[in-house]
C-alpha atoms as a PDB file:
ATOM      1  CA  UNK A   1     -30.132  33.707 -18.579  1.00  0.00           C
ATOM      2  CA  UNK A   2     -32.393  31.050 -20.059  1.00  0.00           C
ATOM      3  CA  UNK A   3     -32.588  27.321 -19.504  1.00  0.00           C
ATOM      4  CA  UNK A   4     -32.917  25.049 -22.537  1.00  0.00           C
ATOM      5  CA  UNK A   5     -34.280  21.979 -20.710  1.00  0.00           C
ATOM      6  CA  UNK A   6     -37.429  20.574 -22.247  1.00  0.00           C
ATOM      7  CA  UNK A   7     -40.490  19.311 -20.429  1.00  0.00           C
ATOM      8  CA  UNK A   8     -40.006  15.836 -21.878  1.00  0.00           C
ATOM      9  CA  UNK A   9     -36.744  15.259 -20.019  1.00  0.00           C
ATOM     10  CA  UNK A  10     -36.652  13.413 -16.722  1.00  0.00           C
ATOM     11  CA  UNK A  11     -35.751  15.676 -13.825  1.00  0.00           C
ATOM     12  CA  UNK A  12     -32.503  15.322 -11.902  1.00  0.00           C
ATOM     13  CA  UNK A  13     -31.715  16.770  -8.474  1.00  0.00           C
ATOM     14  CA  UNK A  14     -28.393  16.747  -6.707  1.00  0.00           C
ATOM     15  CA  UNK A  15     -26.559  19.175  -4.487  1.00  0.00           C
ATOM     16  CA  UNK A  16     -23.790  20.051  -2.077  1.00  0.00           C
ATOM     17  CA  UNK A  17     -23.427  21.840   1.239  1.00  0.00           C
ATOM     18  CA  UNK A  18     -21.420  25.084   0.947  1.00  0.00           C
ATOM     19  CA  UNK A  19     -18.813  24.455   3.634  1.00  0.00           C
ATOM     20  CA  UNK A  20     -15.619  25.098   1.682  1.00  0.00           C
ATOM     21  CA  UNK A  21     -13.966  24.474  -1.693  1.00  0.00           C
ATOM     22  CA  UNK A  22     -14.740  21.333  -3.690  1.00  0.00           C
ATOM     23  CA  UNK A  23     -12.182  18.543  -4.094  1.00  0.00           C
ATOM     24  CA  UNK A  24     -11.436  15.572  -6.323  1.00  0.00           C
ATOM     25  CA  UNK A  25     -13.789  13.394  -4.268  1.00  0.00           C
ATOM     26  CA  UNK A  26     -16.654  15.715  -5.190  1.00  0.00           C
ATOM     27  CA  UNK A  27     -15.695  15.389  -8.841  1.00  0.00           C
ATOM     28  CA  UNK A  28     -15.721  11.589  -9.085  1.00  0.00           C
ATOM     29  CA  UNK A  29     -18.614  11.236  -6.636  1.00  0.00           C
ATOM     30  CA  UNK A  30     -20.956  13.785  -8.208  1.00  0.00           C
ATOM     31  CA  UNK A  31     -19.665  16.417 -10.640  1.00  0.00           C
ATOM     32  CA  UNK A  32     -18.539  13.937 -13.280  1.00  0.00           C
ATOM     33  CA  UNK A  33     -22.019  12.411 -13.399  1.00  0.00           C
ATOM     34  CA  UNK A  34     -23.605  15.848 -13.525  1.00  0.00           C
ATOM     35  CA  UNK A  35     -21.471  16.702 -16.536  1.00  0.00           C
ATOM     36  CA  UNK A  36     -22.431  13.473 -18.278  1.00  0.00           C
ATOM     37  CA  UNK A  37     -26.134  14.012 -17.563  1.00  0.00           C
ATOM     38  CA  UNK A  38     -26.592  17.744 -18.239  1.00  0.00           C
ATOM     39  CA  UNK A  39     -27.653  17.071 -21.839  1.00  0.00           C
ATOM     40  CA  UNK A  40     -29.834  14.087 -20.965  1.00  0.00           C
ATOM     41  CA  UNK A  41     -31.855  15.337 -17.978  1.00  0.00           C
ATOM     42  CA  UNK A  42     -33.480  18.517 -16.693  1.00  0.00           C
ATOM     43  CA  UNK A  43     -30.859  19.140 -14.017  1.00  0.00           C
ATOM     44  CA  UNK A  44     -31.452  21.007 -10.760  1.00  0.00           C
ATOM     45  CA  UNK A  45     -28.243  21.526  -8.790  1.00  0.00           C
ATOM     46  CA  UNK A  46     -28.760  22.675  -5.211  1.00  0.00           C
ATOM     47  CA  UNK A  47     -26.424  24.635  -2.938  1.00  0.00           C
ATOM     48  CA  UNK A  48     -27.769  23.465   0.432  1.00  0.00           C
ATOM     49  CA  UNK A  49     -26.986  26.449   2.647  1.00  0.00           C
ATOM     50  CA  UNK A  50     -29.730  25.598   5.166  1.00  0.00           C
ATOM     51  CA  UNK A  51     -28.030  22.264   5.799  1.00  0.00           C
ATOM     52  CA  UNK A  52     -24.629  23.911   6.143  1.00  0.00           C
ATOM     53  CA  UNK A  53     -26.029  25.870   9.086  1.00  0.00           C
ATOM     54  CA  UNK A  54     -26.439  22.590  10.969  1.00  0.00           C
ATOM     55  CA  UNK A  55     -22.733  22.389  11.797  1.00  0.00           C
ATOM     56  CA  UNK A  56     -21.517  25.856  10.752  1.00  0.00           C
ATOM     57  CA  UNK A  57     -24.126  28.151  12.333  1.00  0.00           C
ATOM     58  CA  UNK A  58     -21.326  30.131  13.994  1.00  0.00           C
ATOM     59  CA  UNK A  59     -19.447  30.585  10.704  1.00  0.00           C
ATOM     60  CA  UNK A  60     -21.929  32.385   8.481  1.00  0.00           C
ATOM     61  CA  UNK A  61     -19.181  34.144   6.519  1.00  0.00           C
ATOM     62  CA  UNK A  62     -17.727  30.752   5.571  1.00  0.00           C
ATOM     63  CA  UNK A  63     -21.118  29.694   4.199  1.00  0.00           C
ATOM     64  CA  UNK A  64     -21.591  32.990   2.337  1.00  0.00           C
ATOM     65  CA  UNK A  65     -18.154  32.691   0.751  1.00  0.00           C
ATOM     66  CA  UNK A  66     -18.614  29.007  -0.024  1.00  0.00           C
ATOM     67  CA  UNK A  67     -21.892  29.576  -1.886  1.00  0.00           C
ATOM     68  CA  UNK A  68     -19.920  31.652  -4.370  1.00  0.00           C
ATOM     69  CA  UNK A  69     -16.876  29.328  -4.387  1.00  0.00           C
ATOM     70  CA  UNK A  70     -19.000  26.224  -5.003  1.00  0.00           C
ATOM     71  CA  UNK A  71     -20.674  27.972  -7.931  1.00  0.00           C
ATOM     72  CA  UNK A  72     -17.264  28.862  -9.378  1.00  0.00           C
ATOM     73  CA  UNK A  73     -16.179  25.220  -9.060  1.00  0.00           C
ATOM     74  CA  UNK A  74     -19.349  24.027 -10.804  1.00  0.00           C
ATOM     75  CA  UNK A  75     -18.780  26.417 -13.685  1.00  0.00           C
ATOM     76  CA  UNK A  76     -15.058  25.586 -13.761  1.00  0.00           C
ATOM     77  CA  UNK A  77     -15.615  21.862 -14.315  1.00  0.00           C
ATOM     78  CA  UNK A  78     -17.892  22.652 -17.252  1.00  0.00           C
ATOM     79  CA  UNK A  79     -21.444  22.665 -15.901  1.00  0.00           C
ATOM     80  CA  UNK A  80     -23.525  24.837 -18.222  1.00  0.00           C
ATOM     81  CA  UNK A  81     -26.172  27.132 -16.642  1.00  0.00           C
ATOM     82  CA  UNK A  82     -27.993  27.028 -19.978  1.00  0.00           C
ATOM     83  CA  UNK A  83     -28.555  23.312 -19.363  1.00  0.00           C
ATOM     84  CA  UNK A  84     -28.532  23.128 -15.553  1.00  0.00           C
ATOM     85  CA  UNK A  85     -30.527  25.082 -12.984  1.00  0.00           C
ATOM     86  CA  UNK A  86     -28.253  26.353 -10.188  1.00  0.00           C
ATOM     87  CA  UNK A  87     -30.283  26.883  -6.995  1.00  0.00           C
ATOM     88  CA  UNK A  88     -29.566  28.387  -3.575  1.00  0.00           C
ATOM     89  CA  UNK A  89     -31.665  26.428  -1.074  1.00  0.00           C
ATOM     90  CA  UNK A  90     -32.561  29.397   1.141  1.00  0.00           C
ATOM     91  CA  UNK A  91     -33.759  31.391  -1.896  1.00  0.00           C
ATOM     92  CA  UNK A  92     -36.544  28.826  -2.326  1.00  0.00           C
ATOM     93  CA  UNK A  93     -38.353  28.772   1.066  1.00  0.00           C
ATOM     94  CA  UNK A  94     -40.542  25.903  -0.097  1.00  0.00           C
ATOM     95  CA  UNK A  95     -37.594  23.608   0.680  1.00  0.00           C
ATOM     96  CA  UNK A  96     -38.047  24.387   4.368  1.00  0.00           C
ATOM     97  CA  UNK A  97     -41.849  24.245   4.122  1.00  0.00           C
ATOM     98  CA  UNK A  98     -41.897  20.785   2.535  1.00  0.00           C
ATOM     99  CA  UNK A  99     -39.288  19.629   5.057  1.00  0.00           C
ATOM    100  CA  UNK A 100     -41.683  20.542   7.892  1.00  0.00           C
ATOM    101  CA  UNK A 101     -44.649  18.753   6.323  1.00  0.00           C
ATOM    102  CA  UNK A 102     -42.730  15.594   5.407  1.00  0.00           C
ATOM    103  CA  UNK A 103     -41.141  15.420   8.855  1.00  0.00           C
ATOM    104  CA  UNK A 104     -44.633  14.741  10.203  1.00  0.00           C
ATOM    105  CA  UNK A 105     -44.633  11.348   8.473  1.00  0.00           C
ATOM    106  CA  UNK A 106     -40.911  10.578   8.876  1.00  0.00           C
ATOM    107  CA  UNK A 107     -40.226   8.139  11.757  1.00  0.00           C
ATOM    108  CA  UNK A 108     -37.529   9.296  14.177  1.00  0.00           C
ATOM    109  CA  UNK A 109     -36.127   5.755  14.094  1.00  0.00           C
ATOM    110  CA  UNK A 110     -35.347   6.158  10.370  1.00  0.00           C
ATOM    111  CA  UNK A 111     -33.225   9.229  11.086  1.00  0.00           C
ATOM    112  CA  UNK A 112     -31.421   7.580  13.995  1.00  0.00           C
ATOM    113  CA  UNK A 113     -30.527   4.546  11.870  1.00  0.00           C
ATOM    114  CA  UNK A 114     -29.014   6.571   9.027  1.00  0.00           C
ATOM    115  CA  UNK A 115     -25.382   5.345   8.797  1.00  0.00           C
ATOM    116  CA  UNK A 116     -24.126   8.465   6.993  1.00  0.00           C
ATOM    117  CA  UNK A 117     -25.529  10.662   9.766  1.00  0.00           C
ATOM    118  CA  UNK A 118     -23.911   8.451  12.425  1.00  0.00           C
ATOM    119  CA  UNK A 119     -20.511   8.764  10.732  1.00  0.00           C
ATOM    120  CA  UNK A 120     -20.758  12.532  10.387  1.00  0.00           C
ATOM    121  CA  UNK A 121     -21.904  12.958  13.986  1.00  0.00           C
ATOM    122  CA  UNK A 122     -18.705  11.244  15.142  1.00  0.00           C
ATOM    123  CA  UNK A 123     -16.690  13.864  13.249  1.00  0.00           C
ATOM    124  CA  UNK A 124     -18.349  16.753  15.086  1.00  0.00           C
ATOM    125  CA  UNK A 125     -16.184  17.753  18.012  1.00  0.00           C
ATOM    126  CA  UNK A 126     -18.840  19.774  19.826  1.00  0.00           C
ATOM    127  CA  UNK A 127     -20.766  17.908  22.509  1.00  0.00           C
ATOM    128  CA  UNK A 128     -23.894  19.798  21.489  1.00  0.00           C
ATOM    129  CA  UNK A 129     -25.284  18.553  18.168  1.00  0.00           C
ATOM    130  CA  UNK A 130     -27.916  20.880  16.743  1.00  0.00           C
ATOM    131  CA  UNK A 131     -31.346  19.481  15.918  1.00  0.00           C
ATOM    132  CA  UNK A 132     -30.973  21.015  12.466  1.00  0.00           C
ATOM    133  CA  UNK A 133     -27.865  18.925  11.832  1.00  0.00           C
ATOM    134  CA  UNK A 134     -29.414  15.753  13.238  1.00  0.00           C
ATOM    135  CA  UNK A 135     -32.451  16.209  11.019  1.00  0.00           C
ATOM    136  CA  UNK A 136     -30.612  17.004   7.776  1.00  0.00           C
ATOM    137  CA  UNK A 137     -31.446  13.582   6.216  1.00  0.00           C
ATOM    138  CA  UNK A 138     -35.118  14.614   6.374  1.00  0.00           C
ATOM    139  CA  UNK A 139     -34.182  17.960   4.830  1.00  0.00           C
ATOM    140  CA  UNK A 140     -32.521  16.112   1.952  1.00  0.00           C
ATOM    141  CA  UNK A 141     -35.719  14.148   1.400  1.00  0.00           C
ATOM    142  CA  UNK A 142     -37.593  17.416   0.897  1.00  0.00           C
ATOM    143  CA  UNK A 143     -34.850  18.763  -1.382  1.00  0.00           C
ATOM    144  CA  UNK A 144     -35.192  15.781  -3.708  1.00  0.00           C
ATOM    145  CA  UNK A 145     -38.975  15.614  -3.686  1.00  0.00           C
ATOM    146  CA  UNK A 146     -39.664  19.358  -4.046  1.00  0.00           C
ATOM    147  CA  UNK A 147     -38.762  19.454  -7.789  1.00  0.00           C
ATOM    148  CA  UNK A 148     -40.246  15.932  -8.085  1.00  0.00           C
ATOM    149  CA  UNK A 149     -36.924  14.540  -9.267  1.00  0.00           C
ATOM    150  CA  UNK A 150     -36.673  11.074 -10.806  1.00  0.00           C
ATOM    151  CA  UNK A 151     -32.865  10.858 -10.886  1.00  0.00           C
ATOM    152  CA  UNK A 152     -30.403  11.568  -8.041  1.00  0.00           C
ATOM    153  CA  UNK A 153     -26.659  11.162  -8.750  1.00  0.00           C
ATOM    154  CA  UNK A 154     -24.803  10.597  -5.461  1.00  0.00           C
ATOM    155  CA  UNK A 155     -21.652   9.201  -3.942  1.00  0.00           C
ATOM    156  CA  UNK A 156     -21.812   5.766  -2.369  1.00  0.00           C
ATOM    157  CA  UNK A 157     -21.991   7.228   1.150  1.00  0.00           C
ATOM    158  CA  UNK A 158     -25.210   9.081   0.258  1.00  0.00           C
ATOM    159  CA  UNK A 159     -27.225   5.984  -0.680  1.00  0.00           C
ATOM    160  CA  UNK A 160     -28.988   5.800   2.723  1.00  0.00           C
ATOM    161  CA  UNK A 161     -30.425   9.275   2.079  1.00  0.00           C
ATOM    162  CA  UNK A 162     -31.890   8.158  -1.240  1.00  0.00           C
ATOM    163  CA  UNK A 163     -33.409   5.053   0.298  1.00  0.00           C
ATOM    164  CA  UNK A 164     -35.042   7.205   2.995  1.00  0.00           C
ATOM    165  CA  UNK A 165     -36.378   9.516   0.274  1.00  0.00           C
ATOM    166  CA  UNK A 166     -37.890   6.574  -1.579  1.00  0.00           C
ATOM    167  CA  UNK A 167     -39.592   5.356   1.628  1.00  0.00           C
ATOM    168  CA  UNK A 168     -41.066   8.755   2.442  1.00  0.00           C
ATOM    169  CA  UNK A 169     -42.239   9.323  -1.151  1.00  0.00           C
ATOM    170  CA  UNK A 170     -44.043   5.965  -1.139  1.00  0.00           C
ATOM    171  CA  UNK A 171     -45.547   6.681   2.288  1.00  0.00           C
ATOM    172  CA  UNK A 172     -46.846  10.113   1.252  1.00  0.00           C
ATOM    173  CA  UNK A 173     -48.280   8.755  -1.992  1.00  0.00           C
ATOM    174  CA  UNK A 174     -50.051   5.960  -0.100  1.00  0.00           C
ATOM    175  CA  UNK A 175     -51.465   8.124   2.708  1.00  0.00           C
ATOM    176  CA  UNK A 176     -52.510  11.122   0.626  1.00  0.00           C
ATOM    177  CA  UNK A 177     -52.158  11.138  -3.152  1.00  0.00           C
ATOM    178  CA  UNK A 178     -49.710   9.923  -5.769  1.00  0.00           C
ATOM    179  CA  UNK A 179     -47.687  13.120  -6.245  1.00  0.00           C
ATOM    180  CA  UNK A 180     -44.036  12.200  -5.891  1.00  0.00           C
ATOM    181  CA  UNK A 181     -42.053  10.004  -8.301  1.00  0.00           C
ATOM    182  CA  UNK A 182     -39.875   7.385  -6.602  1.00  0.00           C
ATOM    183  CA  UNK A 183     -36.348   8.671  -7.264  1.00  0.00           C
ATOM    184  CA  UNK A 184     -33.517   6.458  -8.472  1.00  0.00           C
ATOM    185  CA  UNK A 185     -29.917   6.840  -7.305  1.00  0.00           C
ATOM    186  CA  UNK A 186     -26.993   6.738  -9.730  1.00  0.00           C
ATOM    187  CA  UNK A 187     -23.511   6.116  -8.297  1.00  0.00           C
ATOM    188  CA  UNK A 188     -20.408   7.793  -9.699  1.00  0.00           C
ATOM    189  CA  UNK A 189     -17.680   5.978 -11.643  1.00  0.00           C
ATOM    190  CA  UNK A 190     -15.529   5.941  -8.482  1.00  0.00           C
ATOM    191  CA  UNK A 191     -17.896   5.158  -5.578  1.00  0.00           C
ATOM    192  CA  UNK A 192     -15.531   6.520  -2.919  1.00  0.00           C
ATOM    193  CA  UNK A 193     -12.197   8.337  -3.282  1.00  0.00           C
ATOM    194  CA  UNK A 194      -9.858   7.897  -0.277  1.00  0.00           C
ATOM    195  CA  UNK A 195      -8.085  10.817   1.325  1.00  0.00           C
ATOM    196  CA  UNK A 196      -4.402  11.446   0.659  1.00  0.00           C
ATOM    197  CA  UNK A 197      -3.770  10.169   4.212  1.00  0.00           C
ATOM    198  CA  UNK A 198      -5.273   6.766   3.403  1.00  0.00           C
ATOM    199  CA  UNK A 199      -8.525   7.524   5.210  1.00  0.00           C
ATOM    200  CA  UNK A 200     -11.494   5.776   3.574  1.00  0.00           C
ATOM    201  CA  UNK A 201     -12.935   9.122   2.418  1.00  0.00           C
ATOM    202  CA  UNK A 202     -11.584  12.434   1.167  1.00  0.00           C
ATOM    203  CA  UNK A 203     -12.968  15.158   3.401  1.00  0.00           C
ATOM    204  CA  UNK A 204     -12.520  18.863   4.077  1.00  0.00           C
ATOM    205  CA  UNK A 205     -12.953  18.308   7.804  1.00  0.00           C
ATOM    206  CA  UNK A 206     -10.128  15.732   7.841  1.00  0.00           C
ATOM    207  CA  UNK A 207      -7.819  18.023   5.840  1.00  0.00           C
ATOM    208  CA  UNK A 208      -6.897  15.165   3.494  1.00  0.00           C
ATOM    209  CA  UNK A 209      -8.176  16.550   0.200  1.00  0.00           C
ATOM    210  CA  UNK A 210      -6.830  17.775  -3.130  1.00  0.00           C
ATOM    211  CA  UNK A 211      -9.039  20.688  -4.170  1.00  0.00           C
ATOM    212  CA  UNK A 212     -10.189  21.573  -7.664  1.00  0.00           C
ATOM    213  CA  UNK A 213      -8.748  25.046  -7.071  1.00  0.00           C
ATOM    214  CA  UNK A 214      -5.295  23.869  -5.878  1.00  0.00           C
ATOM    215  CA  UNK A 215      -2.369  25.200  -7.939  1.00  0.00           C
ATOM    216  CA  UNK A 216       0.265  22.949  -9.536  1.00  0.00           C
ATOM    217  CA  UNK A 217       2.805  23.199  -6.715  1.00  0.00           C
ATOM    218  CA  UNK A 218       0.180  22.444  -4.072  1.00  0.00           C
ATOM    219  CA  UNK A 219      -0.979  19.351  -5.978  1.00  0.00           C
ATOM    220  CA  UNK A 220       2.608  18.073  -6.258  1.00  0.00           C
ATOM    221  CA  UNK A 221       3.226  18.681  -2.560  1.00  0.00           C
ATOM    222  CA  UNK A 222       0.047  16.847  -1.517  1.00  0.00           C
ATOM    223  CA  UNK A 223       0.651  13.907  -3.849  1.00  0.00           C
ATOM    224  CA  UNK A 224       4.197  13.422  -2.596  1.00  0.00           C
ATOM    225  CA  UNK A 225       2.813  13.087   0.951  1.00  0.00           C
ATOM    226  CA  UNK A 226       0.239  10.491  -0.053  1.00  0.00           C
ATOM    227  CA  UNK A 227      -0.156   7.248   1.827  1.00  0.00           C
ATOM    228  CA  UNK A 228       0.945   4.136  -0.115  1.00  0.00           C
ATOM    229  CA  UNK A 229       1.872   0.561   0.895  1.00  0.00           C
ATOM    230  CA  UNK A 230       3.265   0.800   4.477  1.00  0.00           C
ATOM    231  CA  UNK A 231       5.113  -2.526   4.123  1.00  0.00           C
ATOM    232  CA  UNK A 232       7.204  -1.197   1.260  1.00  0.00           C
ATOM    233  CA  UNK A 233      10.186   0.348   3.065  1.00  0.00           C
ATOM    234  CA  UNK A 234      12.607  -0.256   0.137  1.00  0.00           C
ATOM    235  CA  UNK A 235      12.137   0.202  -3.609  1.00  0.00           C
ATOM    236  CA  UNK A 236      12.916  -3.440  -4.373  1.00  0.00           C
ATOM    237  CA  UNK A 237      10.161  -4.783  -2.095  1.00  0.00           C
ATOM    238  CA  UNK A 238       7.073  -5.887  -4.109  1.00  0.00           C
ATOM    239  CA  UNK A 239       4.147  -3.581  -3.354  1.00  0.00           C
ATOM    240  CA  UNK A 240       0.396  -3.959  -3.145  1.00  0.00           C
ATOM    241  CA  UNK A 241      -1.620  -2.168  -5.792  1.00  0.00           C
ATOM    242  CA  UNK A 242      -5.117  -3.126  -4.637  1.00  0.00           C
ATOM    243  CA  UNK A 243      -6.473  -0.532  -2.191  1.00  0.00           C
ATOM    244  CA  UNK A 244      -3.371   1.618  -2.619  1.00  0.00           C
ATOM    245  CA  UNK A 245      -4.580   5.265  -2.721  1.00  0.00           C
ATOM    246  CA  UNK A 246      -1.949   6.326  -5.273  1.00  0.00           C
ATOM    247  CA  UNK A 247      -3.164   3.714  -7.759  1.00  0.00           C
ATOM    248  CA  UNK A 248      -6.824   4.431  -6.991  1.00  0.00           C
ATOM    249  CA  UNK A 249      -6.093   8.020  -8.050  1.00  0.00           C
ATOM    250  CA  UNK A 250      -4.198   6.843 -11.140  1.00  0.00           C
ATOM    251  CA  UNK A 251      -7.187   4.730 -12.172  1.00  0.00           C
ATOM    252  CA  UNK A 252      -9.550   7.653 -11.584  1.00  0.00           C
ATOM    253  CA  UNK A 253      -7.603  10.505 -13.198  1.00  0.00           C
ATOM    254  CA  UNK A 254      -4.763   9.221 -15.382  1.00  0.00           C
ATOM    255  CA  UNK A 255      -6.138   8.793 -18.926  1.00  0.00           C
ATOM    256  CA  UNK A 256      -3.014   6.873 -19.997  1.00  0.00           C
ATOM    257  CA  UNK A 257      -4.243   3.369 -19.140  1.00  0.00           C
ATOM    258  CA  UNK A 258      -1.114   1.786 -20.626  1.00  0.00           C
ATOM    259  CA  UNK A 259       1.111   3.812 -18.313  1.00  0.00           C
ATOM    260  CA  UNK A 260      -1.015   2.932 -15.282  1.00  0.00           C
ATOM    261  CA  UNK A 261      -0.957  -0.794 -16.043  1.00  0.00           C
ATOM    262  CA  UNK A 262       2.811  -0.671 -16.618  1.00  0.00           C
ATOM    263  CA  UNK A 263       3.363   1.078 -13.270  1.00  0.00           C
ATOM    264  CA  UNK A 264       1.199  -1.506 -11.514  1.00  0.00           C
ATOM    265  CA  UNK A 265       3.231  -4.331 -13.068  1.00  0.00           C
ATOM    266  CA  UNK A 266       6.535  -2.773 -11.949  1.00  0.00           C
ATOM    267  CA  UNK A 267       5.180  -1.927  -8.495  1.00  0.00           C
ATOM    268  CA  UNK A 268       4.090  -5.505  -7.845  1.00  0.00           C
ATOM    269  CA  UNK A 269       7.609  -6.663  -8.770  1.00  0.00           C
ATOM    270  CA  UNK A 270       9.404  -4.026  -6.692  1.00  0.00           C
ATOM    271  CA  UNK A 271      10.917  -2.357  -9.760  1.00  0.00           C
ATOM    272  CA  UNK A 272       9.563   1.186  -9.434  1.00  0.00           C
ATOM    273  CA  UNK A 273       9.775   3.650  -6.577  1.00  0.00           C
ATOM    274  CA  UNK A 274       6.836   5.242  -4.781  1.00  0.00           C
ATOM    275  CA  UNK A 275       8.373   8.575  -5.719  1.00  0.00           C
ATOM    276  CA  UNK A 276       8.159   7.889  -9.450  1.00  0.00           C
ATOM    277  CA  UNK A 277       4.595   6.576  -9.178  1.00  0.00           C
ATOM    278  CA  UNK A 278       3.622   9.746  -7.287  1.00  0.00           C
ATOM    279  CA  UNK A 279       5.426  12.061  -9.705  1.00  0.00           C
ATOM    280  CA  UNK A 280       3.527  10.553 -12.610  1.00  0.00           C
ATOM    281  CA  UNK A 281       0.266  10.886 -10.660  1.00  0.00           C
ATOM    282  CA  UNK A 282       0.944  14.559  -9.886  1.00  0.00           C
ATOM    283  CA  UNK A 283       1.586  15.161 -13.589  1.00  0.00           C
ATOM    284  CA  UNK A 284      -1.689  13.476 -14.557  1.00  0.00           C
ATOM    285  CA  UNK A 285      -3.663  15.376 -11.906  1.00  0.00           C
ATOM    286  CA  UNK A 286      -2.258  18.727 -12.981  1.00  0.00           C
ATOM    287  CA  UNK A 287      -3.107  17.957 -16.611  1.00  0.00           C
ATOM    288  CA  UNK A 288      -6.660  17.127 -15.501  1.00  0.00           C
ATOM    289  CA  UNK A 289      -6.969  20.272 -13.378  1.00  0.00           C
ATOM    290  CA  UNK A 290      -5.404  22.716 -15.870  1.00  0.00           C
ATOM    291  CA  UNK A 291      -8.579  23.481 -17.903  1.00  0.00           C
ATOM    292  CA  UNK A 292     -10.622  23.615 -14.679  1.00  0.00           C
ATOM    293  CA  UNK A 293      -8.255  26.233 -13.251  1.00  0.00           C
ATOM    294  CA  UNK A 294      -8.466  28.212 -16.502  1.00  0.00           C
ATOM    295  CA  UNK A 295     -12.280  28.261 -16.569  1.00  0.00           C
ATOM    296  CA  UNK A 296     -12.443  29.092 -12.868  1.00  0.00           C
ATOM    297  CA  UNK A 297     -10.190  32.092 -13.351  1.00  0.00           C
ATOM    298  CA  UNK A 298     -12.404  33.322 -16.190  1.00  0.00           C
ATOM    299  CA  UNK A 299     -15.617  33.168 -14.147  1.00  0.00           C
ATOM    300  CA  UNK A 300     -13.856  34.550 -11.059  1.00  0.00           C
ATOM    301  CA  UNK A 301     -13.569  37.877 -12.911  1.00  0.00           C
ATOM    302  CA  UNK A 302     -17.298  37.888 -13.763  1.00  0.00           C
ATOM    303  CA  UNK A 303     -18.990  38.062 -10.323  1.00  0.00           C
ATOM    304  CA  UNK A 304     -22.141  39.703 -11.721  1.00  0.00           C
ATOM    305  CA  UNK A 305     -22.629  36.824 -14.158  1.00  0.00           C
ATOM    306  CA  UNK A 306     -22.157  34.238 -11.399  1.00  0.00           C
ATOM    307  CA  UNK A 307     -24.738  35.977  -9.199  1.00  0.00           C
ATOM    308  CA  UNK A 308     -27.170  36.214 -12.120  1.00  0.00           C
ATOM    309  CA  UNK A 309     -26.826  32.472 -12.745  1.00  0.00           C
ATOM    310  CA  UNK A 310     -27.732  31.766  -9.112  1.00  0.00           C
ATOM    311  CA  UNK A 311     -30.601  34.264  -9.078  1.00  0.00           C
ATOM    312  CA  UNK A 312     -32.188  33.046 -12.322  1.00  0.00           C
ATOM    313  CA  UNK A 313     -31.802  29.388 -11.368  1.00  0.00           C
ATOM    314  CA  UNK A 314     -33.353  29.913  -7.932  1.00  0.00           C
ATOM    315  CA  UNK A 315     -36.224  31.822  -9.532  1.00  0.00           C
ATOM    316  CA  UNK A 316     -36.872  28.949 -11.955  1.00  0.00           C
ATOM    317  CA  UNK A 317     -36.975  26.362  -9.174  1.00  0.00           C
ATOM    318  CA  UNK A 318     -39.186  28.635  -7.051  1.00  0.00           C
ATOM    319  CA  UNK A 319     -41.857  28.491  -9.738  1.00  0.00           C
ATOM    320  CA  UNK A 320     -41.755  24.681  -9.777  1.00  0.00           C
ATOM    321  CA  UNK A 321     -41.639  24.576  -5.954  1.00  0.00           C
ATOM    322  CA  UNK A 322     -44.864  26.573  -5.695  1.00  0.00           C
ATOM    323  CA  UNK A 323     -46.580  24.075  -8.010  1.00  0.00           C
ATOM    324  CA  UNK A 324     -45.382  21.171  -5.861  1.00  0.00           C
ATOM    325  CA  UNK A 325     -46.499  22.779  -2.596  1.00  0.00           C
ATOM    326  CA  UNK A 326     -49.948  23.488  -4.013  1.00  0.00           C
ATOM    327  CA  UNK A 327     -50.293  19.793  -4.919  1.00  0.00           C
ATOM    328  CA  UNK A 328     -48.962  18.691  -1.509  1.00  0.00           C
ATOM    329  CA  UNK A 329     -51.266  20.958   0.491  1.00  0.00           C
ATOM    330  CA  UNK A 330     -54.296  19.982  -1.551  1.00  0.00           C
ATOM    331  CA  UNK A 331     -53.469  16.300  -1.090  1.00  0.00           C
ATOM    332  CA  UNK A 332     -53.025  16.735   2.669  1.00  0.00           C
ATOM    333  CA  UNK A 333     -56.182  18.853   2.948  1.00  0.00           C
ATOM    334  CA  UNK A 334     -54.461  21.823   4.575  1.00  0.00           C
ATOM    335  CA  UNK A 335     -55.629  24.485   2.150  1.00  0.00           C
ATOM    336  CA  UNK A 336     -58.491  25.978   4.142  1.00  0.00           C
END
């Protein structure tokens, strides 16, 4: 495998924790941007298995399986390993090494204030929260800065992590030497996709997601259970479109804008049923997912190729990581 990225391109870093299959929220929040940018930037896409250990340390097999499943999903949506570098975090130990060094200049107060971390901590049912999980925002800082990335596509909920990264990069550059670029966040077309239960965010842990690997019948079943306007107990009652998850999904995935606008008009007048709106959404989602399912099935039968893509990508980032760590250690004066 070879990577066709040129040295003149700006470098992009983004990633995901391997804790299960990817869903539509991952697509609009990250994957869609990755697809749009894979020709424009030198893209490094990270499978953050170290970070997954923070809340799944007792489920190693889930992480092992998910590393492979996440890679299949990336390939299925159309990410090209000839243009993007697929990396397993633990295969590049410099991620952990830079994390340790940068944690020495990262204030504990910055970690405690991180709103994304606070939200995720509330979703952990165990009374014992591992230090590794608590400190994952600092780990993400190292992940972004290790390849010296300038661009970081993220979902809206990840913005606090990027702001922390920018602070730590500036602090390191000021204390030691100007090594790290100050990365810029780019938000997806749909900042946040709600869950099918109406929850503000689609999430595996809340079991409210439509997965990229779901079959047609599963998609239909999930869509028909979706939360809509609770005040609309009869078809002839005018409904609210704004904030309605079914219409948020229509806007995100139904390419027939005329149909969507027509449904909104009828819905506001109480002249179309929730059932019909959902049926049309299920049809649009299955049309969107059909080529993804087809590509996924193709790569699923080529496990050696998938493993080679991960190995070659990790090897490429390892070379860059060693360059970065040499610069960091020289700047800090810890090469004796």
